[in-house]
Amino acid sequence: MKKYECDRCGYIYDPQNGDPENGIAPGTAFEDLPQDWECPDCGAPKEEFSQLEEV
């Protein structure tokens, strides 16, 4: 699964970790996050995230 980075603050959403503090279980793909999910660090909406290139 692909990782995504917040364009505002640099937070990395890693699907392996999810976002348990906000009710997102590990293994949840970015595409499957609720539409109203926001960056846990700065509150940016999903639209302000960019897919990271795989190395």
PDB file of N, CA and C in Angstrom:
ATOM      1  N   MET A   1       0.843  -1.186   0.000  1.00  0.00           N
ATOM      2  CA  MET A   1       0.000   0.000   0.000  1.00  0.00           C
ATOM      3  C   MET A   1       0.886   1.247   0.000  1.00  0.00           C
ATOM      4  N   LYS A   2       0.392   2.255  -0.656  1.00  0.00           N
ATOM      5  CA  LYS A   2       1.182   3.465  -0.846  1.00  0.00           C
ATOM      6  C   LYS A   2       1.056   4.413   0.349  1.00  0.00           C
ATOM      7  N   LYS A   3       2.152   5.140   0.608  1.00  0.00           N
ATOM      8  CA  LYS A   3       2.173   6.149   1.662  1.00  0.00           C
ATOM      9  C   LYS A   3       1.873   7.510   1.041  1.00  0.00           C
ATOM     10  N   TYR A   4       1.305   8.385   1.853  1.00  0.00           N
ATOM     11  CA  TYR A   4       0.955   9.731   1.412  1.00  0.00           C
ATOM     12  C   TYR A   4       1.517  10.753   2.396  1.00  0.00           C
ATOM     13  N   GLU A   5       1.945  11.900   1.856  1.00  0.00           N
ATOM     14  CA  GLU A   5       2.533  12.950   2.682  1.00  0.00           C
ATOM     15  C   GLU A   5       1.653  14.196   2.655  1.00  0.00           C
ATOM     16  N   CYS A   6       1.476  14.809   3.832  1.00  0.00           N
ATOM     17  CA  CYS A   6       0.725  16.047   3.930  1.00  0.00           C
ATOM     18  C   CYS A   6       1.542  17.175   3.295  1.00  0.00           C
ATOM     19  N   ASP A   7       0.925  17.885   2.343  1.00  0.00           N
ATOM     20  CA  ASP A   7       1.616  18.976   1.667  1.00  0.00           C
ATOM     21  C   ASP A   7       1.870  20.156   2.605  1.00  0.00           C
ATOM     22  N   ARG A   8       1.077  20.267   3.657  1.00  0.00           N
ATOM     23  CA  ARG A   8       1.225  21.388   4.596  1.00  0.00           C
ATOM     24  C   ARG A   8       2.344  21.181   5.610  1.00  0.00           C
ATOM     25  N   CYS A   9       2.343  20.009   6.269  1.00  0.00           N
ATOM     26  CA  CYS A   9       3.260  19.843   7.414  1.00  0.00           C
ATOM     27  C   CYS A   9       4.252  18.691   7.274  1.00  0.00           C
ATOM     28  N   GLY A  10       4.087  17.841   6.246  1.00  0.00           N
ATOM     29  CA  GLY A  10       5.039  16.743   6.050  1.00  0.00           C
ATOM     30  C   GLY A  10       4.673  15.456   6.767  1.00  0.00           C
ATOM     31  N   TYR A  11       3.528  15.412   7.449  1.00  0.00           N
ATOM     32  CA  TYR A  11       3.081  14.167   8.094  1.00  0.00           C
ATOM     33  C   TYR A  11       2.952  13.074   7.038  1.00  0.00           C
ATOM     34  N   ILE A  12       3.434  11.883   7.362  1.00  0.00           N
ATOM     35  CA  ILE A  12       3.332  10.741   6.445  1.00  0.00           C
ATOM     36  C   ILE A  12       2.225   9.808   6.937  1.00  0.00           C
ATOM     37  N   TYR A  13       1.218   9.578   6.074  1.00  0.00           N
ATOM     38  CA  TYR A  13       0.213   8.557   6.389  1.00  0.00           C
ATOM     39  C   TYR A  13       0.734   7.232   5.856  1.00  0.00           C
ATOM     40  N   ASP A  14       0.972   6.296   6.777  1.00  0.00           N
ATOM     41  CA  ASP A  14       1.456   4.959   6.429  1.00  0.00           C
ATOM     42  C   ASP A  14       0.316   3.979   6.695  1.00  0.00           C
ATOM     43  N   PRO A  15      -0.226   3.350   5.627  1.00  0.00           N
ATOM     44  CA  PRO A  15      -1.350   2.432   5.814  1.00  0.00           C
ATOM     45  C   PRO A  15      -1.051   1.283   6.773  1.00  0.00           C
ATOM     46  N   GLN A  16       0.202   0.880   6.882  1.00  0.00           N
ATOM     47  CA  GLN A  16       0.549  -0.207   7.811  1.00  0.00           C
ATOM     48  C   GLN A  16       0.246   0.191   9.245  1.00  0.00           C
ATOM     49  N   ASN A  17       0.407   1.482   9.551  1.00  0.00           N
ATOM     50  CA  ASN A  17       0.172   1.972  10.912  1.00  0.00           C
ATOM     51  C   ASN A  17      -1.249   2.476  11.103  1.00  0.00           C
ATOM     52  N   GLY A  18      -1.875   2.960  10.026  1.00  0.00           N
ATOM     53  CA  GLY A  18      -3.193   3.566  10.150  1.00  0.00           C
ATOM     54  C   GLY A  18      -3.109   4.851  10.959  1.00  0.00           C
ATOM     55  N   ASP A  19      -4.183   5.202  11.611  1.00  0.00           N
ATOM     56  CA  ASP A  19      -4.255   6.381  12.486  1.00  0.00           C
ATOM     57  C   ASP A  19      -5.147   6.007  13.660  1.00  0.00           C
ATOM     58  N   PRO A  20      -4.670   5.073  14.510  1.00  0.00           N
ATOM     59  CA  PRO A  20      -5.504   4.527  15.588  1.00  0.00           C
ATOM     60  C   PRO A  20      -6.071   5.585  16.533  1.00  0.00           C
ATOM     61  N   GLU A  21      -5.336   6.670  16.748  1.00  0.00           N
ATOM     62  CA  GLU A  21      -5.816   7.712  17.657  1.00  0.00           C
ATOM     63  C   GLU A  21      -7.093   8.368  17.128  1.00  0.00           C
ATOM     64  N   ASN A  22      -7.302   8.261  15.804  1.00  0.00           N
ATOM     65  CA  ASN A  22      -8.498   8.845  15.191  1.00  0.00           C
ATOM     66  C   ASN A  22      -9.425   7.769  14.612  1.00  0.00           C
ATOM     67  N   GLY A  23      -9.295   6.545  15.114  1.00  0.00           N
ATOM     68  CA  GLY A  23     -10.219   5.479  14.745  1.00  0.00           C
ATOM     69  C   GLY A  23      -9.929   4.797  13.421  1.00  0.00           C
ATOM     70  N   ILE A  24      -8.715   4.999  12.863  1.00  0.00           N
ATOM     71  CA  ILE A  24      -8.351   4.365  11.595  1.00  0.00           C
ATOM     72  C   ILE A  24      -7.444   3.167  11.895  1.00  0.00           C
ATOM     73  N   ALA A  25      -7.944   1.976  11.586  1.00  0.00           N
ATOM     74  CA  ALA A  25      -7.228   0.747  11.911  1.00  0.00           C
ATOM     75  C   ALA A  25      -5.995   0.566  11.021  1.00  0.00           C
ATOM     76  N   PRO A  26      -4.935  -0.060  11.563  1.00  0.00           N
ATOM     77  CA  PRO A  26      -3.794  -0.423  10.718  1.00  0.00           C
ATOM     78  C   PRO A  26      -4.264  -1.262   9.540  1.00  0.00           C
ATOM     79  N   GLY A  27      -3.641  -1.037   8.386  1.00  0.00           N
ATOM     80  CA  GLY A  27      -4.019  -1.758   7.184  1.00  0.00           C
ATOM     81  C   GLY A  27      -5.045  -1.014   6.336  1.00  0.00           C
ATOM     82  N   THR A  28      -5.448   0.199   6.758  1.00  0.00           N
ATOM     83  CA  THR A  28      -6.423   0.986   6.001  1.00  0.00           C
ATOM     84  C   THR A  28      -5.710   1.797   4.919  1.00  0.00           C
ATOM     85  N   ALA A  29      -6.037   1.512   3.660  1.00  0.00           N
ATOM     86  CA  ALA A  29      -5.438   2.245   2.547  1.00  0.00           C
ATOM     87  C   ALA A  29      -5.893   3.705   2.585  1.00  0.00           C
ATOM     88  N   PHE A  30      -5.040   4.602   2.082  1.00  0.00           N
ATOM     89  CA  PHE A  30      -5.377   6.028   2.058  1.00  0.00           C
ATOM     90  C   PHE A  30      -6.703   6.261   1.332  1.00  0.00           C
ATOM     91  N   GLU A  31      -6.905   5.549   0.235  1.00  0.00           N
ATOM     92  CA  GLU A  31      -8.129   5.697  -0.560  1.00  0.00           C
ATOM     93  C   GLU A  31      -9.376   5.319   0.233  1.00  0.00           C
ATOM     94  N   ASP A  32      -9.201   4.471   1.252  1.00  0.00           N
ATOM     95  CA  ASP A  32     -10.334   4.000   2.048  1.00  0.00           C
ATOM     96  C   ASP A  32     -10.605   4.857   3.289  1.00  0.00           C
ATOM     97  N   LEU A  33      -9.787   5.891   3.492  1.00  0.00           N
ATOM     98  CA  LEU A  33     -10.025   6.780   4.631  1.00  0.00           C
ATOM     99  C   LEU A  33     -11.332   7.537   4.401  1.00  0.00           C
ATOM    100  N   PRO A  34     -12.059   7.862   5.475  1.00  0.00           N
ATOM    101  CA  PRO A  34     -13.284   8.646   5.304  1.00  0.00           C
ATOM    102  C   PRO A  34     -12.976   9.979   4.622  1.00  0.00           C
ATOM    103  N   GLN A  35     -13.933  10.500   3.865  1.00  0.00           N
ATOM    104  CA  GLN A  35     -13.727  11.740   3.120  1.00  0.00           C
ATOM    105  C   GLN A  35     -13.420  12.909   4.056  1.00  0.00           C
ATOM    106  N   ASP A  36     -13.934  12.839   5.306  1.00  0.00           N
ATOM    107  CA  ASP A  36     -13.710  13.941   6.252  1.00  0.00           C
ATOM    108  C   ASP A  36     -12.472  13.741   7.130  1.00  0.00           C
ATOM    109  N   TRP A  37     -11.667  12.705   6.846  1.00  0.00           N
ATOM    110  CA  TRP A  37     -10.430  12.486   7.602  1.00  0.00           C
ATOM    111  C   TRP A  37      -9.492  13.658   7.366  1.00  0.00           C
ATOM    112  N   GLU A  38      -8.783  14.061   8.419  1.00  0.00           N
ATOM    113  CA  GLU A  38      -7.838  15.172   8.325  1.00  0.00           C
ATOM    114  C   GLU A  38      -6.491  14.746   8.871  1.00  0.00           C
ATOM    115  N   CYS A  39      -5.457  15.471   8.456  1.00  0.00           N
ATOM    116  CA  CYS A  39      -4.110  15.229   8.968  1.00  0.00           C
ATOM    117  C   CYS A  39      -4.137  15.360  10.488  1.00  0.00           C
ATOM    118  N   PRO A  40      -3.637  14.340  11.203  1.00  0.00           N
ATOM    119  CA  PRO A  40      -3.669  14.404  12.666  1.00  0.00           C
ATOM    120  C   PRO A  40      -2.737  15.471  13.233  1.00  0.00           C
ATOM    121  N   ASP A  41      -1.761  15.942  12.445  1.00  0.00           N
ATOM    122  CA  ASP A  41      -0.829  16.949  12.948  1.00  0.00           C
ATOM    123  C   ASP A  41      -1.299  18.381  12.710  1.00  0.00           C
ATOM    124  N   CYS A  42      -1.861  18.667  11.507  1.00  0.00           N
ATOM    125  CA  CYS A  42      -2.189  20.063  11.193  1.00  0.00           C
ATOM    126  C   CYS A  42      -3.637  20.284  10.756  1.00  0.00           C
ATOM    127  N   GLY A  43      -4.407  19.202  10.579  1.00  0.00           N
ATOM    128  CA  GLY A  43      -5.812  19.349  10.225  1.00  0.00           C
ATOM    129  C   GLY A  43      -6.081  19.533   8.741  1.00  0.00           C
ATOM    130  N   ALA A  44      -5.071  19.338   7.889  1.00  0.00           N
ATOM    131  CA  ALA A  44      -5.277  19.477   6.442  1.00  0.00           C
ATOM    132  C   ALA A  44      -6.205  18.374   5.938  1.00  0.00           C
ATOM    133  N   PRO A  45      -7.069  18.678   4.959  1.00  0.00           N
ATOM    134  CA  PRO A  45      -7.964  17.657   4.388  1.00  0.00           C
ATOM    135  C   PRO A  45      -7.195  16.679   3.499  1.00  0.00           C
ATOM    136  N   LYS A  46      -7.831  15.549   3.194  1.00  0.00           N
ATOM    137  CA  LYS A  46      -7.203  14.513   2.353  1.00  0.00           C
ATOM    138  C   LYS A  46      -6.675  15.072   1.035  1.00  0.00           C
ATOM    139  N   GLU A  47      -7.373  16.079   0.484  1.00  0.00           N
ATOM    140  CA  GLU A  47      -6.995  16.630  -0.817  1.00  0.00           C
ATOM    141  C   GLU A  47      -5.607  17.264  -0.786  1.00  0.00           C
ATOM    142  N   GLU A  48      -5.103  17.569   0.418  1.00  0.00           N
ATOM    143  CA  GLU A  48      -3.801  18.219   0.526  1.00  0.00           C
ATOM    144  C   GLU A  48      -2.678  17.223   0.802  1.00  0.00           C
ATOM    145  N   PHE A  49      -2.915  15.963   0.456  1.00  0.00           N
ATOM    146  CA  PHE A  49      -1.881  14.931   0.588  1.00  0.00           C
ATOM    147  C   PHE A  49      -1.408  14.517  -0.798  1.00  0.00           C
ATOM    148  N   SER A  50      -0.122  14.194  -0.911  1.00  0.00           N
ATOM    149  CA  SER A  50       0.449  13.724  -2.173  1.00  0.00           C
ATOM    150  C   SER A  50       1.029  12.329  -1.966  1.00  0.00           C
ATOM    151  N   GLN A  51       0.854  11.493  -2.986  1.00  0.00           N
ATOM    152  CA  GLN A  51       1.388  10.138  -2.914  1.00  0.00           C
ATOM    153  C   GLN A  51       2.900  10.178  -2.965  1.00  0.00           C
ATOM    154  N   LEU A  52       3.543   9.425  -2.070  1.00  0.00           N
ATOM    155  CA  LEU A  52       5.000   9.344  -2.070  1.00  0.00           C
ATOM    156  C   LEU A  52       5.451   8.334  -3.118  1.00  0.00           C
ATOM    157  N   GLU A  53       6.562   8.637  -3.752  1.00  0.00           N
ATOM    158  CA  GLU A  53       7.155   7.697  -4.710  1.00  0.00           C
ATOM    159  C   GLU A  53       7.765   6.540  -3.934  1.00  0.00           C
ATOM    160  N   GLU A  54       7.581   5.331  -4.438  1.00  0.00           N
ATOM    161  CA  GLU A  54       8.202   4.178  -3.784  1.00  0.00           C
ATOM    162  C   GLU A  54       9.666   4.114  -4.170  1.00  0.00           C
ATOM    163  N   VAL A  55      10.497   3.807  -3.189  1.00  0.00           N
ATOM    164  CA  VAL A  55      11.944   3.777  -3.432  1.00  0.00           C
ATOM    165  C   VAL A  55      12.401   2.365  -3.726  1.00  0.00           C
TER     166      VAL A  55
END
